[in-house]
Amino acid sequence: MGKLTEILQLAQRRARDLSLPYEGALTPREAFEVLAAAPGARLIDIRTRAELDWVGRIPGALELEWQSYPSNQFNPNFLSQLKQAVDPEALLLFICRSGKRSSLAARVATEAGLRDCYNVLEGFEGDKDANGHRGTMGGWRLAGLPWQQN
């Protein structure tokens, strides 16, 4: 069994154990490995433009807002924009700041008929620490994975 298969099976087992309504849940490092090993896999960064501009971007990610800033209004075109941008057979990995909004996006995409939807646990910055700060308790950036500040 190859490394990609092992990672995806672990992510699928996590989703079952947590009763998640989508295919799987990946750590940031696992998501990076899947993107490197699975042709056509797409990372969908659903953070707001403000988050992308102020906090940082992931090179190669499809940036598709789930909500707008500062109103936090849901993007009513999210699904249509997503379906136009991705192959319906592709592995889709959703990421946000902490993994909560991307979990919702993975669920909505699955309910809309996209099969291979995964959430990136911890998101880009992870959960808040005891002082209320992000970026110190997990996430894509803290894992040392590729990102850039504009």
C-alpha atoms as a PDB file:
ATOM      1  CA  MET A   1       0.000   0.000   0.000  1.00  0.00           C
ATOM      2  CA  GLY A   2       1.408   3.396  -0.987  1.00  0.00           C
ATOM      3  CA  LYS A   3       1.887   6.418   1.231  1.00  0.00           C
ATOM      4  CA  LEU A   4      -0.978   8.309  -0.462  1.00  0.00           C
ATOM      5  CA  THR A   5      -3.385   5.428   0.144  1.00  0.00           C
ATOM      6  CA  GLU A   6      -2.300   5.204   3.796  1.00  0.00           C
ATOM      7  CA  ILE A   7      -2.866   8.923   4.362  1.00  0.00           C
ATOM      8  CA  LEU A   8      -6.284   8.899   2.706  1.00  0.00           C
ATOM      9  CA  GLN A   9      -7.379   5.822   4.658  1.00  0.00           C
ATOM     10  CA  LEU A  10      -6.301   7.469   7.917  1.00  0.00           C
ATOM     11  CA  ALA A  11      -8.209  10.639   6.973  1.00  0.00           C
ATOM     12  CA  GLN A  12     -11.296   8.585   6.097  1.00  0.00           C
ATOM     13  CA  ARG A  13     -11.074   6.702   9.404  1.00  0.00           C
ATOM     14  CA  ARG A  14     -10.890  10.035  11.268  1.00  0.00           C
ATOM     15  CA  ALA A  15     -14.004  11.230   9.445  1.00  0.00           C
ATOM     16  CA  ARG A  16     -15.895   8.063  10.379  1.00  0.00           C
ATOM     17  CA  ASP A  17     -14.735   8.232  14.016  1.00  0.00           C
ATOM     18  CA  LEU A  18     -15.854  11.880  14.243  1.00  0.00           C
ATOM     19  CA  SER A  19     -19.084  11.232  12.268  1.00  0.00           C
ATOM     20  CA  LEU A  20     -18.114  13.846   9.690  1.00  0.00           C
ATOM     21  CA  PRO A  21     -20.380  14.151   6.643  1.00  0.00           C
ATOM     22  CA  TYR A  22     -17.538  14.180   4.096  1.00  0.00           C
ATOM     23  CA  GLU A  23     -14.793  11.877   2.906  1.00  0.00           C
ATOM     24  CA  GLY A  24     -11.967  12.663   5.314  1.00  0.00           C
ATOM     25  CA  ALA A  25     -10.039  14.927   7.675  1.00  0.00           C
ATOM     26  CA  LEU A  26      -6.324  15.618   7.132  1.00  0.00           C
ATOM     27  CA  THR A  27      -3.638  17.269   9.205  1.00  0.00           C
ATOM     28  CA  PRO A  28      -1.847  20.104   7.396  1.00  0.00           C
ATOM     29  CA  ARG A  29       1.235  17.915   6.794  1.00  0.00           C
ATOM     30  CA  GLU A  30      -0.948  15.096   5.408  1.00  0.00           C
ATOM     31  CA  ALA A  31      -2.757  17.571   3.149  1.00  0.00           C
ATOM     32  CA  PHE A  32       0.582  18.792   1.783  1.00  0.00           C
ATOM     33  CA  GLU A  33       1.650  15.194   1.077  1.00  0.00           C
ATOM     34  CA  VAL A  34      -1.657  14.434  -0.657  1.00  0.00           C
ATOM     35  CA  LEU A  35      -1.291  17.520  -2.850  1.00  0.00           C
ATOM     36  CA  ALA A  36       2.214  16.411  -3.832  1.00  0.00           C
ATOM     37  CA  ALA A  37       1.215  12.797  -4.564  1.00  0.00           C
ATOM     38  CA  ALA A  38      -2.293  12.991  -6.036  1.00  0.00           C
ATOM     39  CA  PRO A  39      -2.460  14.367  -9.566  1.00  0.00           C
ATOM     40  CA  GLY A  40      -5.320  16.814  -9.891  1.00  0.00           C
ATOM     41  CA  ALA A  41      -5.901  17.259  -6.148  1.00  0.00           C
ATOM     42  CA  ARG A  42      -6.842  20.858  -5.311  1.00  0.00           C
ATOM     43  CA  LEU A  43      -6.441  22.872  -2.154  1.00  0.00           C
ATOM     44  CA  ILE A  44      -9.418  25.233  -1.788  1.00  0.00           C
ATOM     45  CA  ASP A  45      -8.587  28.135   0.549  1.00  0.00           C
ATOM     46  CA  ILE A  46     -11.922  29.554   1.660  1.00  0.00           C
ATOM     47  CA  ARG A  47     -10.626  32.381   3.862  1.00  0.00           C
ATOM     48  CA  THR A  48     -11.685  35.969   3.189  1.00  0.00           C
ATOM     49  CA  ARG A  49      -9.627  38.267   0.967  1.00  0.00           C
ATOM     50  CA  ALA A  50      -8.704  40.198   4.124  1.00  0.00           C
ATOM     51  CA  GLU A  51      -7.333  37.044   5.771  1.00  0.00           C
ATOM     52  CA  LEU A  52      -5.356  36.179   2.664  1.00  0.00           C
ATOM     53  CA  ASP A  53      -3.923  39.694   2.390  1.00  0.00           C
ATOM     54  CA  TRP A  54      -3.152  40.201   6.079  1.00  0.00           C
ATOM     55  CA  VAL A  55      -2.179  36.704   7.226  1.00  0.00           C
ATOM     56  CA  GLY A  56      -0.728  34.978   4.161  1.00  0.00           C
ATOM     57  CA  ARG A  57      -1.471  32.798   1.158  1.00  0.00           C
ATOM     58  CA  ILE A  58      -0.738  29.224   0.176  1.00  0.00           C
ATOM     59  CA  PRO A  59       0.928  29.061  -3.244  1.00  0.00           C
ATOM     60  CA  GLY A  60      -1.172  27.177  -5.780  1.00  0.00           C
ATOM     61  CA  ALA A  61      -4.352  27.138  -3.684  1.00  0.00           C
ATOM     62  CA  LEU A  62      -7.659  28.018  -5.301  1.00  0.00           C
ATOM     63  CA  GLU A  63      -8.853  31.053  -3.330  1.00  0.00           C
ATOM     64  CA  LEU A  64     -12.624  31.015  -3.057  1.00  0.00           C
ATOM     65  CA  GLU A  65     -14.281  33.022  -0.293  1.00  0.00           C
ATOM     66  CA  TRP A  66     -16.801  31.186   1.881  1.00  0.00           C
ATOM     67  CA  GLN A  67     -17.783  34.447   3.577  1.00  0.00           C
ATOM     68  CA  SER A  68     -17.030  38.078   2.820  1.00  0.00           C
ATOM     69  CA  TYR A  69     -15.260  40.528   5.087  1.00  0.00           C
ATOM     70  CA  PRO A  70     -16.248  42.455   7.170  1.00  0.00           C
ATOM     71  CA  SER A  71     -19.909  41.385   7.049  1.00  0.00           C
ATOM     72  CA  ASN A  72     -19.194  37.639   7.292  1.00  0.00           C
ATOM     73  CA  GLN A  73     -22.019  37.164   4.823  1.00  0.00           C
ATOM     74  CA  PHE A  74     -22.059  33.750   3.161  1.00  0.00           C
ATOM     75  CA  ASN A  75     -20.950  33.756  -0.475  1.00  0.00           C
ATOM     76  CA  PRO A  76     -24.149  32.713  -2.316  1.00  0.00           C
ATOM     77  CA  ASN A  77     -22.068  31.801  -5.382  1.00  0.00           C
ATOM     78  CA  PHE A  78     -19.660  29.526  -3.519  1.00  0.00           C
ATOM     79  CA  LEU A  79     -20.900  26.235  -4.981  1.00  0.00           C
ATOM     80  CA  SER A  80     -21.248  27.475  -8.538  1.00  0.00           C
ATOM     81  CA  GLN A  81     -17.773  29.059  -8.406  1.00  0.00           C
ATOM     82  CA  LEU A  82     -16.327  25.867  -6.942  1.00  0.00           C
ATOM     83  CA  LYS A  83     -17.936  23.632  -9.566  1.00  0.00           C
ATOM     84  CA  GLN A  84     -16.670  25.887 -12.366  1.00  0.00           C
ATOM     85  CA  ALA A  85     -13.120  25.847 -10.993  1.00  0.00           C
ATOM     86  CA  VAL A  86     -12.546  22.155 -10.215  1.00  0.00           C
ATOM     87  CA  ASP A  87     -12.831  18.776 -11.872  1.00  0.00           C
ATOM     88  CA  PRO A  88     -15.796  16.981 -10.246  1.00  0.00           C
ATOM     89  CA  GLU A  89     -13.632  13.853  -9.870  1.00  0.00           C
ATOM     90  CA  ALA A  90     -10.728  15.655  -8.138  1.00  0.00           C
ATOM     91  CA  LEU A  91      -9.718  15.275  -4.512  1.00  0.00           C
ATOM     92  CA  LEU A  92     -10.738  18.561  -2.889  1.00  0.00           C
ATOM     93  CA  LEU A  93      -8.998  19.704   0.270  1.00  0.00           C
ATOM     94  CA  PHE A  94     -10.671  22.627   2.029  1.00  0.00           C
ATOM     95  CA  ILE A  95      -8.754  24.944   4.358  1.00  0.00           C
ATOM     96  CA  CYS A  96      -9.650  28.056   6.352  1.00  0.00           C
ATOM     97  CA  ARG A  97      -8.099  29.778   9.368  1.00  0.00           C
ATOM     98  CA  SER A  98      -8.784  27.058  11.965  1.00  0.00           C
ATOM     99  CA  GLY A  99     -10.587  24.213  10.175  1.00  0.00           C
ATOM    100  CA  LYS A 100     -14.133  25.118  11.223  1.00  0.00           C
ATOM    101  CA  ARG A 101     -15.421  26.977   8.143  1.00  0.00           C
ATOM    102  CA  SER A 102     -13.609  24.555   5.857  1.00  0.00           C
ATOM    103  CA  SER A 103     -15.447  21.701   7.568  1.00  0.00           C
ATOM    104  CA  LEU A 104     -18.724  23.385   6.609  1.00  0.00           C
ATOM    105  CA  ALA A 105     -17.480  23.926   3.053  1.00  0.00           C
ATOM    106  CA  ALA A 106     -16.485  20.254   2.731  1.00  0.00           C
ATOM    107  CA  ARG A 107     -19.955  19.246   3.954  1.00  0.00           C
ATOM    108  CA  VAL A 108     -21.753  21.594   1.544  1.00  0.00           C
ATOM    109  CA  ALA A 109     -19.602  20.444  -1.389  1.00  0.00           C
ATOM    110  CA  THR A 110     -20.279  16.792  -0.515  1.00  0.00           C
ATOM    111  CA  GLU A 111     -24.013  17.434  -0.271  1.00  0.00           C
ATOM    112  CA  ALA A 112     -23.808  19.097  -3.708  1.00  0.00           C
ATOM    113  CA  GLY A 113     -22.454  15.881  -5.221  1.00  0.00           C
ATOM    114  CA  LEU A 114     -18.675  16.336  -5.061  1.00  0.00           C
ATOM    115  CA  ARG A 115     -17.381  13.010  -3.750  1.00  0.00           C
ATOM    116  CA  ASP A 116     -13.808  13.377  -2.547  1.00  0.00           C
ATOM    117  CA  CYS A 117     -13.988  16.301  -0.104  1.00  0.00           C
ATOM    118  CA  TYR A 118     -11.522  16.542   2.770  1.00  0.00           C
ATOM    119  CA  ASN A 119     -11.124  19.110   5.517  1.00  0.00           C
ATOM    120  CA  VAL A 120      -7.687  20.316   6.603  1.00  0.00           C
ATOM    121  CA  LEU A 121      -7.752  20.134  10.385  1.00  0.00           C
ATOM    122  CA  GLU A 122      -6.180  23.083  12.229  1.00  0.00           C
ATOM    123  CA  GLY A 123      -6.494  25.237   9.088  1.00  0.00           C
ATOM    124  CA  PHE A 124      -3.862  27.824   8.237  1.00  0.00           C
ATOM    125  CA  GLU A 125      -3.305  29.219  11.752  1.00  0.00           C
ATOM    126  CA  GLY A 126      -4.705  26.653  14.194  1.00  0.00           C
ATOM    127  CA  ASP A 127      -6.767  27.285  17.295  1.00  0.00           C
ATOM    128  CA  LYS A 128      -6.256  30.162  19.708  1.00  0.00           C
ATOM    129  CA  ASP A 129      -3.766  29.657  22.513  1.00  0.00           C
ATOM    130  CA  ALA A 130      -4.385  30.536  26.193  1.00  0.00           C
ATOM    131  CA  ASN A 131      -3.681  34.201  25.380  1.00  0.00           C
ATOM    132  CA  GLY A 132      -6.186  34.275  22.521  1.00  0.00           C
ATOM    133  CA  HIS A 133      -3.537  34.303  19.782  1.00  0.00           C
ATOM    134  CA  ARG A 134      -3.479  32.132  16.679  1.00  0.00           C
ATOM    135  CA  GLY A 135      -0.453  30.676  14.956  1.00  0.00           C
ATOM    136  CA  THR A 136       1.048  29.030  18.039  1.00  0.00           C
ATOM    137  CA  MET A 137      -1.078  25.873  18.256  1.00  0.00           C
ATOM    138  CA  GLY A 138      -0.967  24.056  14.953  1.00  0.00           C
ATOM    139  CA  GLY A 139      -1.972  24.899  11.435  1.00  0.00           C
ATOM    140  CA  TRP A 140      -0.405  24.976   7.987  1.00  0.00           C
ATOM    141  CA  ARG A 141       1.929  27.885   8.713  1.00  0.00           C
ATOM    142  CA  LEU A 142       3.250  26.547  12.042  1.00  0.00           C
ATOM    143  CA  ALA A 143       3.894  23.168  10.381  1.00  0.00           C
ATOM    144  CA  GLY A 144       6.425  24.958   8.162  1.00  0.00           C
ATOM    145  CA  LEU A 145       4.504  24.273   4.959  1.00  0.00           C
ATOM    146  CA  PRO A 146       4.776  26.644   1.967  1.00  0.00           C
ATOM    147  CA  TRP A 147       3.065  30.016   2.341  1.00  0.00           C
ATOM    148  CA  GLN A 148       3.761  33.585   1.380  1.00  0.00           C
ATOM    149  CA  GLN A 149       2.994  37.007   2.752  1.00  0.00           C
ATOM    150  CA  ASN A 150       1.991  39.700   0.266  1.00  0.00           C
END
